[in-house]
């Protein structure tokens, strides 16, 4: 998916909800999104962005995936909607994302 995203110039909306994506997968996806200039909406609902499996609750909490998303937000200029609901985001993690969006100076619709 990450390689498709980095070279995509057509797709505007990508729904990857309920795909079991973990922090490592999100790191690859975020790196690809730094290069993407077409995607305006990304849905990552109910994945394992923080290392915790959405369905089993198993895993170890990590901010690696969120760190990658935060970094991507500073580079990507086209993303307008980002849905991160149901990913076991802690309040501090949500604040990291909010701060990154505010720093861009753009209106990005966040769902957490």
PDB file of N, CA and C in Angstrom:
ATOM      1  N   UNK A   1       0.826  -1.187   0.000  1.00  0.00           N
ATOM      2  CA  UNK A   1       0.000   0.000   0.000  1.00  0.00           C
ATOM      3  C   UNK A   1       0.876   1.259   0.000  1.00  0.00           C
ATOM      4  N   UNK A   2       1.940   1.244   0.812  1.00  0.00           N
ATOM      5  CA  UNK A   2       2.792   2.430   0.919  1.00  0.00           C
ATOM      6  C   UNK A   2       3.402   2.821  -0.420  1.00  0.00           C
ATOM      7  N   UNK A   3       3.867   1.855  -1.192  1.00  0.00           N
ATOM      8  CA  UNK A   3       4.473   2.184  -2.485  1.00  0.00           C
ATOM      9  C   UNK A   3       3.439   2.759  -3.455  1.00  0.00           C
ATOM     10  N   UNK A   4       2.206   2.263  -3.389  1.00  0.00           N
ATOM     11  CA  UNK A   4       1.133   2.797  -4.219  1.00  0.00           C
ATOM     12  C   UNK A   4       0.825   4.230  -3.815  1.00  0.00           C
ATOM     13  N   UNK A   5       0.810   4.493  -2.521  1.00  0.00           N
ATOM     14  CA  UNK A   5       0.472   5.829  -2.024  1.00  0.00           C
ATOM     15  C   UNK A   5       1.522   6.850  -2.433  1.00  0.00           C
ATOM     16  N   UNK A   6       2.786   6.495  -2.358  1.00  0.00           N
ATOM     17  CA  UNK A   6       3.840   7.467  -2.664  1.00  0.00           C
ATOM     18  C   UNK A   6       3.834   7.890  -4.128  1.00  0.00           C
ATOM     19  N   UNK A   7       3.441   6.992  -5.019  1.00  0.00           N
ATOM     20  CA  UNK A   7       3.465   7.321  -6.448  1.00  0.00           C
ATOM     21  C   UNK A   7       2.092   7.703  -7.006  1.00  0.00           C
ATOM     22  N   UNK A   8       1.066   7.667  -6.171  1.00  0.00           N
ATOM     23  CA  UNK A   8      -0.292   7.970  -6.615  1.00  0.00           C
ATOM     24  C   UNK A   8      -0.460   9.462  -6.914  1.00  0.00           C
ATOM     25  N   UNK A   9      -1.102   9.753  -8.039  1.00  0.00           N
ATOM     26  CA  UNK A   9      -1.399  11.135  -8.397  1.00  0.00           C
ATOM     27  C   UNK A   9      -2.885  11.325  -8.678  1.00  0.00           C
ATOM     28  N   UNK A  10      -3.685  10.289  -8.415  1.00  0.00           N
ATOM     29  CA  UNK A  10      -5.100  10.335  -8.774  1.00  0.00           C
ATOM     30  C   UNK A  10      -6.019  10.157  -7.563  1.00  0.00           C
ATOM     31  N   UNK A  11      -5.772   9.141  -6.744  1.00  0.00           N
ATOM     32  CA  UNK A  11      -6.653   8.818  -5.629  1.00  0.00           C
ATOM     33  C   UNK A  11      -6.701   9.959  -4.624  1.00  0.00           C
ATOM     34  N   UNK A  12      -7.915  10.379  -4.276  1.00  0.00           N
ATOM     35  CA  UNK A  12      -8.112  11.477  -3.328  1.00  0.00           C
ATOM     36  C   UNK A  12      -8.499  10.973  -1.941  1.00  0.00           C
ATOM     37  N   UNK A  13      -9.200   9.826  -1.888  1.00  0.00           N
ATOM     38  CA  UNK A  13      -9.714   9.299  -0.621  1.00  0.00           C
ATOM     39  C   UNK A  13      -9.216   7.869  -0.448  1.00  0.00           C
ATOM     40  N   UNK A  14      -8.646   7.590   0.731  1.00  0.00           N
ATOM     41  CA  UNK A  14      -8.145   6.252   1.018  1.00  0.00           C
ATOM     42  C   UNK A  14      -8.684   5.805   2.367  1.00  0.00           C
ATOM     43  N   UNK A  15      -9.412   4.689   2.361  1.00  0.00           N
ATOM     44  CA  UNK A  15      -9.988   4.142   3.581  1.00  0.00           C
ATOM     45  C   UNK A  15      -9.259   2.847   3.921  1.00  0.00           C
ATOM     46  N   UNK A  16      -8.439   2.899   4.958  1.00  0.00           N
ATOM     47  CA  UNK A  16      -7.698   1.722   5.423  1.00  0.00           C
ATOM     48  C   UNK A  16      -8.183   1.283   6.800  1.00  0.00           C
ATOM     49  N   UNK A  17      -9.419   1.621   7.127  1.00  0.00           N
ATOM     50  CA  UNK A  17      -9.959   1.246   8.432  1.00  0.00           C
ATOM     51  C   UNK A  17     -10.096  -0.268   8.543  1.00  0.00           C
ATOM     52  N   UNK A  18      -9.963  -0.769   9.773  1.00  0.00           N
ATOM     53  CA  UNK A  18     -10.118  -2.196  10.089  1.00  0.00           C
ATOM     54  C   UNK A  18      -9.171  -3.086   9.282  1.00  0.00           C
ATOM     55  N   UNK A  19      -7.949  -2.636   9.055  1.00  0.00           N
ATOM     56  CA  UNK A  19      -6.983  -3.419   8.289  1.00  0.00           C
ATOM     57  C   UNK A  19      -5.871  -4.018   9.135  1.00  0.00           C
ATOM     58  N   UNK A  20      -5.915  -3.828  10.439  1.00  0.00           N
ATOM     59  CA  UNK A  20      -4.903  -4.402  11.316  1.00  0.00           C
ATOM     60  C   UNK A  20      -3.529  -3.768  11.133  1.00  0.00           C
ATOM     61  N   UNK A  21      -3.486  -2.534  10.653  1.00  0.00           N
ATOM     62  CA  UNK A  21      -2.207  -1.855  10.470  1.00  0.00           C
ATOM     63  C   UNK A  21      -1.587  -1.550  11.825  1.00  0.00           C
ATOM     64  N   UNK A  22      -0.329  -1.914  11.979  1.00  0.00           N
ATOM     65  CA  UNK A  22       0.363  -1.648  13.235  1.00  0.00           C
ATOM     66  C   UNK A  22       1.281  -0.439  13.092  1.00  0.00           C
ATOM     67  N   UNK A  23       2.019  -0.131  14.144  1.00  0.00           N
ATOM     68  CA  UNK A  23       2.884   1.050  14.144  1.00  0.00           C
ATOM     69  C   UNK A  23       3.916   0.997  13.012  1.00  0.00           C
ATOM     70  N   UNK A  24       4.458  -0.170  12.733  1.00  0.00           N
ATOM     71  CA  UNK A  24       5.448  -0.299  11.653  1.00  0.00           C
ATOM     72  C   UNK A  24       4.825   0.006  10.292  1.00  0.00           C
ATOM     73  N   UNK A  25       3.640  -0.525  10.053  1.00  0.00           N
ATOM     74  CA  UNK A  25       2.950  -0.267   8.786  1.00  0.00           C
ATOM     75  C   UNK A  25       2.637   1.220   8.647  1.00  0.00           C
ATOM     76  N   UNK A  26       2.249   1.847   9.746  1.00  0.00           N
ATOM     77  CA  UNK A  26       1.932   3.275   9.721  1.00  0.00           C
ATOM     78  C   UNK A  26       3.179   4.095   9.433  1.00  0.00           C
ATOM     79  N   UNK A  27       4.326   3.671   9.946  1.00  0.00           N
ATOM     80  CA  UNK A  27       5.583   4.371   9.648  1.00  0.00           C
ATOM     81  C   UNK A  27       5.853   4.367   8.148  1.00  0.00           C
ATOM     82  N   UNK A  28       5.640   3.237   7.497  1.00  0.00           N
ATOM     83  CA  UNK A  28       5.842   3.140   6.045  1.00  0.00           C
ATOM     84  C   UNK A  28       4.820   3.987   5.291  1.00  0.00           C
ATOM     85  N   UNK A  29       3.571   3.921   5.739  1.00  0.00           N
ATOM     86  CA  UNK A  29       2.520   4.700   5.098  1.00  0.00           C
ATOM     87  C   UNK A  29       2.785   6.200   5.250  1.00  0.00           C
ATOM     88  N   UNK A  30       3.172   6.631   6.438  1.00  0.00           N
ATOM     89  CA  UNK A  30       3.457   8.051   6.680  1.00  0.00           C
ATOM     90  C   UNK A  30       4.618   8.534   5.811  1.00  0.00           C
ATOM     91  N   UNK A  31       5.631   7.700   5.652  1.00  0.00           N
ATOM     92  CA  UNK A  31       6.763   8.062   4.784  1.00  0.00           C
ATOM     93  C   UNK A  31       6.278   8.250   3.345  1.00  0.00           C
ATOM     94  N   UNK A  32       5.388   7.388   2.900  1.00  0.00           N
ATOM     95  CA  UNK A  32       4.840   7.499   1.546  1.00  0.00           C
ATOM     96  C   UNK A  32       3.986   8.752   1.400  1.00  0.00           C
ATOM     97  N   UNK A  33       3.264   9.096   2.445  1.00  0.00           N
ATOM     98  CA  UNK A  33       2.396  10.269   2.387  1.00  0.00           C
ATOM     99  C   UNK A  33       3.184  11.571   2.326  1.00  0.00           C
ATOM    100  N   UNK A  34       4.438  11.532   2.712  1.00  0.00           N
ATOM    101  CA  UNK A  34       5.282  12.731   2.582  1.00  0.00           C
ATOM    102  C   UNK A  34       5.477  13.084   1.111  1.00  0.00           C
ATOM    103  N   UNK A  35       5.426  12.078   0.253  1.00  0.00           N
ATOM    104  CA  UNK A  35       5.633  12.270  -1.186  1.00  0.00           C
ATOM    105  C   UNK A  35       4.323  12.445  -1.949  1.00  0.00           C
ATOM    106  N   UNK A  36       3.215  12.013  -1.359  1.00  0.00           N
ATOM    107  CA  UNK A  36       1.921  12.043  -2.035  1.00  0.00           C
ATOM    108  C   UNK A  36       1.394  13.471  -2.137  1.00  0.00           C
ATOM    109  N   UNK A  37       0.912  13.822  -3.320  1.00  0.00           N
ATOM    110  CA  UNK A  37       0.390  15.169  -3.530  1.00  0.00           C
ATOM    111  C   UNK A  37      -1.067  15.148  -3.994  1.00  0.00           C
ATOM    112  N   UNK A  38      -1.740  14.017  -3.833  1.00  0.00           N
ATOM    113  CA  UNK A  38      -3.115  13.899  -4.303  1.00  0.00           C
ATOM    114  C   UNK A  38      -4.120  13.597  -3.194  1.00  0.00           C
ATOM    115  N   UNK A  39      -3.730  12.788  -2.228  1.00  0.00           N
ATOM    116  CA  UNK A  39      -4.658  12.311  -1.204  1.00  0.00           C
ATOM    117  C   UNK A  39      -5.161  13.464  -0.331  1.00  0.00           C
ATOM    118  N   UNK A  40      -6.474  13.568  -0.192  1.00  0.00           N
ATOM    119  CA  UNK A  40      -7.060  14.612   0.649  1.00  0.00           C
ATOM    120  C   UNK A  40      -7.730  14.037   1.894  1.00  0.00           C
ATOM    121  N   UNK A  41      -8.050  12.740   1.875  1.00  0.00           N
ATOM    122  CA  UNK A  41      -8.749  12.125   3.006  1.00  0.00           C
ATOM    123  C   UNK A  41      -8.165  10.743   3.293  1.00  0.00           C
ATOM    124  N   UNK A  42      -7.811  10.517   4.560  1.00  0.00           N
ATOM    125  CA  UNK A  42      -7.246   9.232   4.980  1.00  0.00           C
ATOM    126  C   UNK A  42      -7.981   8.738   6.218  1.00  0.00           C
ATOM    127  N   UNK A  43      -8.532   7.539   6.125  1.00  0.00           N
ATOM    128  CA  UNK A  43      -9.252   6.928   7.239  1.00  0.00           C
ATOM    129  C   UNK A  43      -8.439   5.749   7.762  1.00  0.00           C
ATOM    130  N   UNK A  44      -7.956   5.882   9.005  1.00  0.00           N
ATOM    131  CA  UNK A  44      -7.184   4.818   9.656  1.00  0.00           C
ATOM    132  C   UNK A  44      -7.909   4.294  10.897  1.00  0.00           C
ATOM    133  N   UNK A  45      -9.224   4.400  10.904  1.00  0.00           N
ATOM    134  CA  UNK A  45     -10.038   3.946  12.032  1.00  0.00           C
ATOM    135  C   UNK A  45      -9.781   2.478  12.359  1.00  0.00           C
ATOM    136  N   UNK A  46      -9.725   2.180  13.645  1.00  0.00           N
ATOM    137  CA  UNK A  46      -9.663   0.804  14.155  1.00  0.00           C
ATOM    138  C   UNK A  46      -8.509  -0.006  13.582  1.00  0.00           C
ATOM    139  N   UNK A  47      -7.317   0.527  13.747  1.00  0.00           N
ATOM    140  CA  UNK A  47      -6.097  -0.197  13.418  1.00  0.00           C
ATOM    141  C   UNK A  47      -5.263  -0.287  14.691  1.00  0.00           C
ATOM    142  N   UNK A  48      -3.996  -0.558  14.565  1.00  0.00           N
ATOM    143  CA  UNK A  48      -3.119  -0.661  15.728  1.00  0.00           C
ATOM    144  C   UNK A  48      -2.042   0.400  15.702  1.00  0.00           C
ATOM    145  N   UNK A  49      -2.425   1.640  15.472  1.00  0.00           N
ATOM    146  CA  UNK A  49      -1.461   2.722  15.289  1.00  0.00           C
ATOM    147  C   UNK A  49      -0.488   2.863  16.448  1.00  0.00           C
ATOM    148  N   UNK A  50      -0.939   2.511  17.635  1.00  0.00           N
ATOM    149  CA  UNK A  50      -0.096   2.658  18.828  1.00  0.00           C
ATOM    150  C   UNK A  50       0.408   1.313  19.348  1.00  0.00           C
ATOM    151  N   UNK A  51       0.337   0.292  18.522  1.00  0.00           N
ATOM    152  CA  UNK A  51       0.854  -1.007  18.923  1.00  0.00           C
ATOM    153  C   UNK A  51      -0.143  -1.900  19.651  1.00  0.00           C
ATOM    154  N   UNK A  52      -1.344  -1.406  19.891  1.00  0.00           N
ATOM    155  CA  UNK A  52      -2.379  -2.179  20.579  1.00  0.00           C
ATOM    156  C   UNK A  52      -3.393  -2.666  19.548  1.00  0.00           C
ATOM    157  N   UNK A  53      -3.595  -3.961  19.502  1.00  0.00           N
ATOM    158  CA  UNK A  53      -4.564  -4.545  18.580  1.00  0.00           C
ATOM    159  C   UNK A  53      -5.973  -4.108  18.963  1.00  0.00           C
ATOM    160  N   UNK A  54      -6.706  -3.572  18.026  1.00  0.00           N
ATOM    161  CA  UNK A  54      -8.038  -3.029  18.263  1.00  0.00           C
ATOM    162  C   UNK A  54      -9.010  -4.078  18.796  1.00  0.00           C
ATOM    163  N   UNK A  55      -8.884  -5.298  18.358  1.00  0.00           N
ATOM    164  CA  UNK A  55      -9.866  -6.315  18.706  1.00  0.00           C
ATOM    165  C   UNK A  55      -9.492  -7.130  19.931  1.00  0.00           C
ATOM    166  N   UNK A  56      -8.194  -7.368  20.126  1.00  0.00           N
ATOM    167  CA  UNK A  56      -7.779  -8.194  21.264  1.00  0.00           C
ATOM    168  C   UNK A  56      -7.270  -7.371  22.435  1.00  0.00           C
ATOM    169  N   UNK A  57      -6.887  -6.119  22.177  1.00  0.00           N
ATOM    170  CA  UNK A  57      -6.319  -5.283  23.231  1.00  0.00           C
ATOM    171  C   UNK A  57      -4.898  -5.682  23.587  1.00  0.00           C
ATOM    172  N   UNK A  58      -4.317  -6.588  22.815  1.00  0.00           N
ATOM    173  CA  UNK A  58      -2.964  -7.088  23.065  1.00  0.00           C
ATOM    174  C   UNK A  58      -1.929  -6.186  22.402  1.00  0.00           C
ATOM    175  N   UNK A  59      -0.729  -6.170  22.974  1.00  0.00           N
ATOM    176  CA  UNK A  59       0.378  -5.425  22.394  1.00  0.00           C
ATOM    177  C   UNK A  59       0.975  -4.454  23.391  1.00  0.00           C
ATOM    178  N   UNK A  60       2.002  -3.768  22.975  1.00  0.00           N
ATOM    179  CA  UNK A  60       2.681  -2.783  23.811  1.00  0.00           C
ATOM    180  C   UNK A  60       2.489  -1.400  23.214  1.00  0.00           C
ATOM    181  N   UNK A  61       2.127  -0.457  24.058  1.00  0.00           N
ATOM    182  CA  UNK A  61       1.875   0.906  23.585  1.00  0.00           C
ATOM    183  C   UNK A  61       3.173   1.540  23.097  1.00  0.00           C
ATOM    184  N   UNK A  62       3.100   2.147  21.929  1.00  0.00           N
ATOM    185  CA  UNK A  62       4.231   2.865  21.352  1.00  0.00           C
ATOM    186  C   UNK A  62       3.717   4.092  20.611  1.00  0.00           C
ATOM    187  N   UNK A  63       4.529   5.127  20.543  1.00  0.00           N
ATOM    188  CA  UNK A  63       4.139   6.314  19.788  1.00  0.00           C
ATOM    189  C   UNK A  63       4.833   6.363  18.427  1.00  0.00           C
ATOM    190  N   UNK A  64       5.526   5.308  18.035  1.00  0.00           N
ATOM    191  CA  UNK A  64       6.267   5.299  16.770  1.00  0.00           C
ATOM    192  C   UNK A  64       5.383   5.630  15.563  1.00  0.00           C
ATOM    193  N   UNK A  65       4.225   5.018  15.491  1.00  0.00           N
ATOM    194  CA  UNK A  65       3.313   5.272  14.375  1.00  0.00           C
ATOM    195  C   UNK A  65       2.790   6.701  14.401  1.00  0.00           C
ATOM    196  N   UNK A  66       2.446   7.177  15.588  1.00  0.00           N
ATOM    197  CA  UNK A  66       1.942   8.541  15.725  1.00  0.00           C
ATOM    198  C   UNK A  66       3.054   9.548  15.450  1.00  0.00           C
ATOM    199  N   UNK A  67       4.264   9.266  15.912  1.00  0.00           N
ATOM    200  CA  UNK A  67       5.406  10.144  15.611  1.00  0.00           C
ATOM    201  C   UNK A  67       5.563  10.304  14.099  1.00  0.00           C
ATOM    202  N   UNK A  68       5.411   9.206  13.379  1.00  0.00           N
ATOM    203  CA  UNK A  68       5.531   9.240  11.912  1.00  0.00           C
ATOM    204  C   UNK A  68       4.400  10.057  11.289  1.00  0.00           C
ATOM    205  N   UNK A  69       3.183   9.924  11.830  1.00  0.00           N
ATOM    206  CA  UNK A  69       2.057  10.711  11.329  1.00  0.00           C
ATOM    207  C   UNK A  69       2.291  12.194  11.587  1.00  0.00           C
ATOM    208  N   UNK A  70       2.774  12.523  12.790  1.00  0.00           N
ATOM    209  CA  UNK A  70       3.060  13.916  13.136  1.00  0.00           C
ATOM    210  C   UNK A  70       4.085  14.498  12.171  1.00  0.00           C
ATOM    211  N   UNK A  71       5.146  13.760  11.905  1.00  0.00           N
ATOM    212  CA  UNK A  71       6.178  14.221  10.975  1.00  0.00           C
ATOM    213  C   UNK A  71       5.606  14.395   9.567  1.00  0.00           C
ATOM    214  N   UNK A  72       4.770  13.446   9.143  1.00  0.00           N
ATOM    215  CA  UNK A  72       4.158  13.522   7.819  1.00  0.00           C
ATOM    216  C   UNK A  72       3.294  14.765   7.689  1.00  0.00           C
ATOM    217  N   UNK A  73       2.570  15.120   8.742  1.00  0.00           N
ATOM    218  CA  UNK A  73       1.687  16.277   8.695  1.00  0.00           C
ATOM    219  C   UNK A  73       2.451  17.575   8.451  1.00  0.00           C
ATOM    220  N   UNK A  74       3.704  17.625   8.859  1.00  0.00           N
ATOM    221  CA  UNK A  74       4.504  18.835   8.647  1.00  0.00           C
ATOM    222  C   UNK A  74       4.963  18.973   7.196  1.00  0.00           C
ATOM    223  N   UNK A  75       4.931  17.857   6.455  1.00  0.00           N
ATOM    224  CA  UNK A  75       5.423  17.846   5.070  1.00  0.00           C
ATOM    225  C   UNK A  75       4.279  17.806   4.056  1.00  0.00           C
ATOM    226  N   UNK A  76       3.301  16.952   4.296  1.00  0.00           N
ATOM    227  CA  UNK A  76       2.190  16.771   3.360  1.00  0.00           C
ATOM    228  C   UNK A  76       1.307  18.016   3.355  1.00  0.00           C
ATOM    229  N   UNK A  77       1.046  18.552   2.182  1.00  0.00           N
ATOM    230  CA  UNK A  77       0.261  19.790   2.059  1.00  0.00           C
ATOM    231  C   UNK A  77      -1.143  19.573   1.505  1.00  0.00           C
ATOM    232  N   UNK A  78      -1.496  18.332   1.168  1.00  0.00           N
ATOM    233  CA  UNK A  78      -2.796  18.092   0.535  1.00  0.00           C
ATOM    234  C   UNK A  78      -3.822  17.429   1.444  1.00  0.00           C
ATOM    235  N   UNK A  79      -3.378  16.721   2.478  1.00  0.00           N
ATOM    236  CA  UNK A  79      -4.307  16.007   3.354  1.00  0.00           C
ATOM    237  C   UNK A  79      -5.204  16.999   4.093  1.00  0.00           C
ATOM    238  N   UNK A  80      -6.511  16.779   4.006  1.00  0.00           N
ATOM    239  CA  UNK A  80      -7.488  17.676   4.622  1.00  0.00           C
ATOM    240  C   UNK A  80      -8.304  16.989   5.707  1.00  0.00           C
ATOM    241  N   UNK A  81      -8.441  15.665   5.611  1.00  0.00           N
ATOM    242  CA  UNK A  81      -9.236  14.891   6.572  1.00  0.00           C
ATOM    243  C   UNK A  81      -8.403  13.707   7.032  1.00  0.00           C
ATOM    244  N   UNK A  82      -8.293  13.547   8.354  1.00  0.00           N
ATOM    245  CA  UNK A  82      -7.545  12.429   8.929  1.00  0.00           C
ATOM    246  C   UNK A  82      -8.366  11.817  10.042  1.00  0.00           C
ATOM    247  N   UNK A  83      -8.768  10.548   9.863  1.00  0.00           N
ATOM    248  CA  UNK A  83      -9.583   9.850  10.840  1.00  0.00           C
ATOM    249  C   UNK A  83      -8.721   8.810  11.549  1.00  0.00           C
ATOM    250  N   UNK A  84      -8.532   9.015  12.856  1.00  0.00           N
ATOM    251  CA  UNK A  84      -7.716   8.105  13.675  1.00  0.00           C
ATOM    252  C   UNK A  84      -8.528   7.487  14.812  1.00  0.00           C
ATOM    253  N   UNK A  85      -9.830   7.449  14.668  1.00  0.00           N
ATOM    254  CA  UNK A  85     -10.692   6.946  15.738  1.00  0.00           C
ATOM    255  C   UNK A  85     -10.407   5.477  16.064  1.00  0.00           C
ATOM    256  N   UNK A  86     -10.651   5.129  17.326  1.00  0.00           N
ATOM    257  CA  UNK A  86     -10.568   3.747  17.810  1.00  0.00           C
ATOM    258  C   UNK A  86      -9.183   3.127  17.617  1.00  0.00           C
ATOM    259  N   UNK A  87      -8.163   3.878  18.023  1.00  0.00           N
ATOM    260  CA  UNK A  87      -6.783   3.398  17.930  1.00  0.00           C
ATOM    261  C   UNK A  87      -6.051   3.484  19.267  1.00  0.00           C
ATOM    262  N   UNK A  88      -6.802   3.528  20.362  1.00  0.00           N
ATOM    263  CA  UNK A  88      -6.209   3.569  21.703  1.00  0.00           C
ATOM    264  C   UNK A  88      -5.247   4.746  21.868  1.00  0.00           C
ATOM    265  N   UNK A  89      -5.588   5.899  21.319  1.00  0.00           N
ATOM    266  CA  UNK A  89      -4.740   7.074  21.447  1.00  0.00           C
ATOM    267  C   UNK A  89      -4.873   7.666  22.848  1.00  0.00           C
ATOM    268  N   UNK A  90      -3.756   7.868  23.511  1.00  0.00           N
ATOM    269  CA  UNK A  90      -3.752   8.513  24.825  1.00  0.00           C
ATOM    270  C   UNK A  90      -3.912  10.016  24.641  1.00  0.00           C
ATOM    271  N   UNK A  91      -4.260  10.715  25.700  1.00  0.00           N
ATOM    272  CA  UNK A  91      -4.448  12.160  25.616  1.00  0.00           C
ATOM    273  C   UNK A  91      -3.186  12.873  25.138  1.00  0.00           C
ATOM    274  N   UNK A  92      -2.029  12.459  25.628  1.00  0.00           N
ATOM    275  CA  UNK A  92      -0.774  13.085  25.207  1.00  0.00           C
ATOM    276  C   UNK A  92      -0.521  12.858  23.719  1.00  0.00           C
ATOM    277  N   UNK A  93      -0.862  11.680  23.246  1.00  0.00           N
ATOM    278  CA  UNK A  93      -0.710  11.360  21.825  1.00  0.00           C
ATOM    279  C   UNK A  93      -1.640  12.229  20.987  1.00  0.00           C
ATOM    280  N   UNK A  94      -2.867  12.403  21.443  1.00  0.00           N
ATOM    281  CA  UNK A  94      -3.816  13.267  20.733  1.00  0.00           C
ATOM    282  C   UNK A  94      -3.300  14.703  20.686  1.00  0.00           C
ATOM    283  N   UNK A  95      -2.706  15.148  21.783  1.00  0.00           N
ATOM    284  CA  UNK A  95      -2.164  16.508  21.824  1.00  0.00           C
ATOM    285  C   UNK A  95      -1.014  16.662  20.833  1.00  0.00           C
ATOM    286  N   UNK A  96      -0.182  15.639  20.688  1.00  0.00           N
ATOM    287  CA  UNK A  96       0.908  15.678  19.711  1.00  0.00           C
ATOM    288  C   UNK A  96       0.345  15.918  18.308  1.00  0.00           C
ATOM    289  N   UNK A  97      -0.733  15.214  17.991  1.00  0.00           N
ATOM    290  CA  UNK A  97      -1.347  15.333  16.668  1.00  0.00           C
ATOM    291  C   UNK A  97      -1.990  16.710  16.505  1.00  0.00           C
ATOM    292  N   UNK A  98      -2.732  17.143  17.523  1.00  0.00           N
ATOM    293  CA  UNK A  98      -3.351  18.473  17.484  1.00  0.00           C
ATOM    294  C   UNK A  98      -2.296  19.561  17.272  1.00  0.00           C
ATOM    295  N   UNK A  99      -1.198  19.479  18.014  1.00  0.00           N
ATOM    296  CA  UNK A  99      -0.127  20.471  17.904  1.00  0.00           C
ATOM    297  C   UNK A  99       0.481  20.472  16.501  1.00  0.00           C
ATOM    298  N   UNK A 100       0.652  19.294  15.925  1.00  0.00           N
ATOM    299  CA  UNK A 100       1.213  19.199  14.569  1.00  0.00           C
ATOM    300  C   UNK A 100       0.285  19.847  13.561  1.00  0.00           C
ATOM    301  N   UNK A 101      -1.007  19.621  13.710  1.00  0.00           N
ATOM    302  CA  UNK A 101      -1.982  20.226  12.790  1.00  0.00           C
ATOM    303  C   UNK A 101      -1.972  21.741  12.946  1.00  0.00           C
ATOM    304  N   UNK A 102      -1.961  22.222  14.177  1.00  0.00           N
ATOM    305  CA  UNK A 102      -1.920  23.674  14.411  1.00  0.00           C
ATOM    306  C   UNK A 102      -0.664  24.295  13.814  1.00  0.00           C
ATOM    307  N   UNK A 103       0.450  23.597  13.911  1.00  0.00           N
ATOM    308  CA  UNK A 103       1.721  24.101  13.385  1.00  0.00           C
ATOM    309  C   UNK A 103       1.706  24.227  11.862  1.00  0.00           C
ATOM    310  N   UNK A 104       0.870  23.446  11.190  1.00  0.00           N
ATOM    311  CA  UNK A 104       0.810  23.527   9.722  1.00  0.00           C
ATOM    312  C   UNK A 104       0.127  24.810   9.269  1.00  0.00           C
ATOM    313  N   UNK A 105      -0.725  25.350  10.120  1.00  0.00           N
ATOM    314  CA  UNK A 105      -1.481  26.536   9.734  1.00  0.00           C
ATOM    315  C   UNK A 105      -2.605  26.242   8.757  1.00  0.00           C
ATOM    316  N   UNK A 106      -2.867  24.957   8.535  1.00  0.00           N
ATOM    317  CA  UNK A 106      -3.932  24.554   7.606  1.00  0.00           C
ATOM    318  C   UNK A 106      -5.120  24.009   8.385  1.00  0.00           C
ATOM    319  N   UNK A 107      -6.269  24.038   7.752  1.00  0.00           N
ATOM    320  CA  UNK A 107      -7.476  23.479   8.358  1.00  0.00           C
ATOM    321  C   UNK A 107      -7.565  22.005   7.994  1.00  0.00           C
ATOM    322  N   UNK A 108      -7.142  21.165   8.905  1.00  0.00           N
ATOM    323  CA  UNK A 108      -7.233  19.711   8.699  1.00  0.00           C
ATOM    324  C   UNK A 108      -8.288  19.186   9.660  1.00  0.00           C
ATOM    325  N   UNK A 109      -9.261  18.478   9.105  1.00  0.00           N
ATOM    326  CA  UNK A 109     -10.313  17.901   9.931  1.00  0.00           C
ATOM    327  C   UNK A 109      -9.795  16.632  10.567  1.00  0.00           C
ATOM    328  N   UNK A 110      -9.702  16.634  11.902  1.00  0.00           N
ATOM    329  CA  UNK A 110      -9.226  15.469  12.633  1.00  0.00           C
ATOM    330  C   UNK A 110     -10.391  14.767  13.323  1.00  0.00           C
ATOM    331  N   UNK A 111     -10.347  13.451  13.256  1.00  0.00           N
ATOM    332  CA  UNK A 111     -11.311  12.644  14.014  1.00  0.00           C
ATOM    333  C   UNK A 111     -10.477  11.671  14.836  1.00  0.00           C
ATOM    334  N   UNK A 112     -10.578  11.836  16.160  1.00  0.00           N
ATOM    335  CA  UNK A 112      -9.787  10.963  17.034  1.00  0.00           C
ATOM    336  C   UNK A 112     -10.691  10.380  18.072  1.00  0.00           C
TER     337      UNK A 112
END
